[in-house]
Amino acid sequence: MSFQSKSAARRLLLPLLALWAALLSTGCLYAPVQPWERDLLAEPEMLPAPDPLETSLDEHVYFSKETAHGGAGVGGGGCGCN
């Protein structure tokens, strides 16, 4: 094999490997929730913040330490301009 044919083979191989890796990585991208699994996902423990009081206290501590209110979806950046 000459140098030119190795280079051409490499140029063809890299995009094919990239395409193969992209197709392989999307195998688990979409997994629909079955009707019999929805009851488990609707449990209070599956909420991002199952205890609102604990979440409120954690946010209060965070903002007290951060000294810039507005990091959790509230308008403003700490300067007082909302």
Protein backbone atom coordinates (compact mmCIF):
# COMPACT_ATOMS: atom_id res chain seq x y z
CA MET A 1 0.00 0.00 0.00
CA SER A 2 1.32 3.39 -0.89
CA PHE A 3 1.25 6.44 1.32
CA GLN A 4 -1.61 8.00 -0.68
CA SER A 5 -3.87 4.98 -0.34
CA LYS A 6 -3.23 4.83 3.43
CA SER A 7 -4.14 8.49 3.71
CA ALA A 8 -7.32 7.97 1.68
CA ALA A 9 -8.27 4.97 3.79
CA ARG A 10 -7.71 6.99 6.96
CA ARG A 11 -9.83 9.86 5.66
CA LEU A 12 -12.65 7.41 4.97
CA LEU A 13 -12.24 5.47 8.20
CA LEU A 14 -12.45 8.42 10.60
CA PRO A 15 -15.89 9.66 9.44
CA LEU A 16 -17.20 6.11 9.43
CA LEU A 17 -15.97 5.55 12.98
CA ALA A 18 -17.53 8.86 14.06
CA LEU A 19 -20.83 7.89 12.46
CA TRP A 20 -20.72 4.46 14.08
CA ALA A 21 -20.01 5.99 17.51
CA ALA A 22 -22.85 8.49 17.08
CA LEU A 23 -25.33 5.80 16.10
CA LEU A 24 -24.18 3.54 18.91
CA SER A 25 -24.49 6.26 21.54
CA THR A 26 -28.13 7.00 20.67
CA GLY A 27 -29.29 3.46 21.45
CA CYS A 28 -30.58 4.32 24.94
CA LEU A 29 -31.65 7.86 24.18
CA TYR A 30 -35.39 7.28 24.09
CA ALA A 31 -37.02 4.83 26.43
CA PRO A 32 -40.78 5.37 26.63
CA VAL A 33 -42.42 4.94 30.01
CA GLN A 34 -44.78 2.01 30.02
CA PRO A 35 -48.22 2.42 31.67
CA TRP A 36 -47.36 -0.03 34.45
CA GLU A 37 -44.19 1.97 35.28
CA ARG A 38 -45.95 5.30 35.71
CA ASP A 39 -47.17 4.53 39.22
CA LEU A 40 -43.58 4.16 40.41
CA LEU A 41 -42.53 7.42 38.80
CA ALA A 42 -45.47 9.26 40.35
CA GLU A 43 -44.26 8.53 43.89
CA PRO A 44 -43.45 11.60 46.03
CA GLU A 45 -39.91 10.29 46.47
CA MET A 46 -39.31 10.69 42.72
CA LEU A 47 -39.82 14.46 42.80
CA PRO A 48 -36.69 16.56 42.30
CA ALA A 49 -37.32 18.07 45.74
CA PRO A 50 -39.63 15.76 47.70
CA ASP A 51 -39.71 17.96 50.81
CA PRO A 52 -40.62 21.60 50.06
CA LEU A 53 -39.59 22.79 53.54
CA GLU A 54 -36.15 21.23 53.24
CA THR A 55 -35.75 22.72 49.77
CA SER A 56 -36.71 26.15 51.04
CA LEU A 57 -34.22 25.93 53.90
CA ASP A 58 -31.45 24.71 51.59
CA GLU A 59 -32.09 27.61 49.22
CA HIS A 60 -32.08 30.06 52.13
CA VAL A 61 -28.69 28.75 53.29
CA TYR A 62 -27.33 28.86 49.75
CA PHE A 63 -28.43 32.44 49.17
CA SER A 64 -27.19 33.50 52.59
CA LYS A 65 -23.74 32.16 51.77
CA GLU A 66 -23.79 33.33 48.16
CA THR A 67 -24.90 36.90 49.05
CA ALA A 68 -26.34 37.28 45.56
CA HIS A 69 -30.05 36.56 45.45
CA GLY A 70 -31.43 35.34 42.17
CA GLY A 71 -29.61 32.15 41.33
CA ALA A 72 -32.60 29.82 41.40
CA GLY A 73 -34.89 31.23 38.75
CA VAL A 74 -35.56 34.57 40.43
CA GLY A 75 -34.95 37.72 38.43
CA GLY A 76 -32.05 39.96 39.31
CA GLY A 77 -28.41 39.39 39.94
CA GLY A 78 -27.86 40.70 43.45
CA CYS A 79 -27.59 44.35 42.51
CA GLY A 80 -31.25 45.05 43.29
CA CYS A 81 -32.36 45.61 39.70
CA ASN A 82 -35.12 43.13 38.91
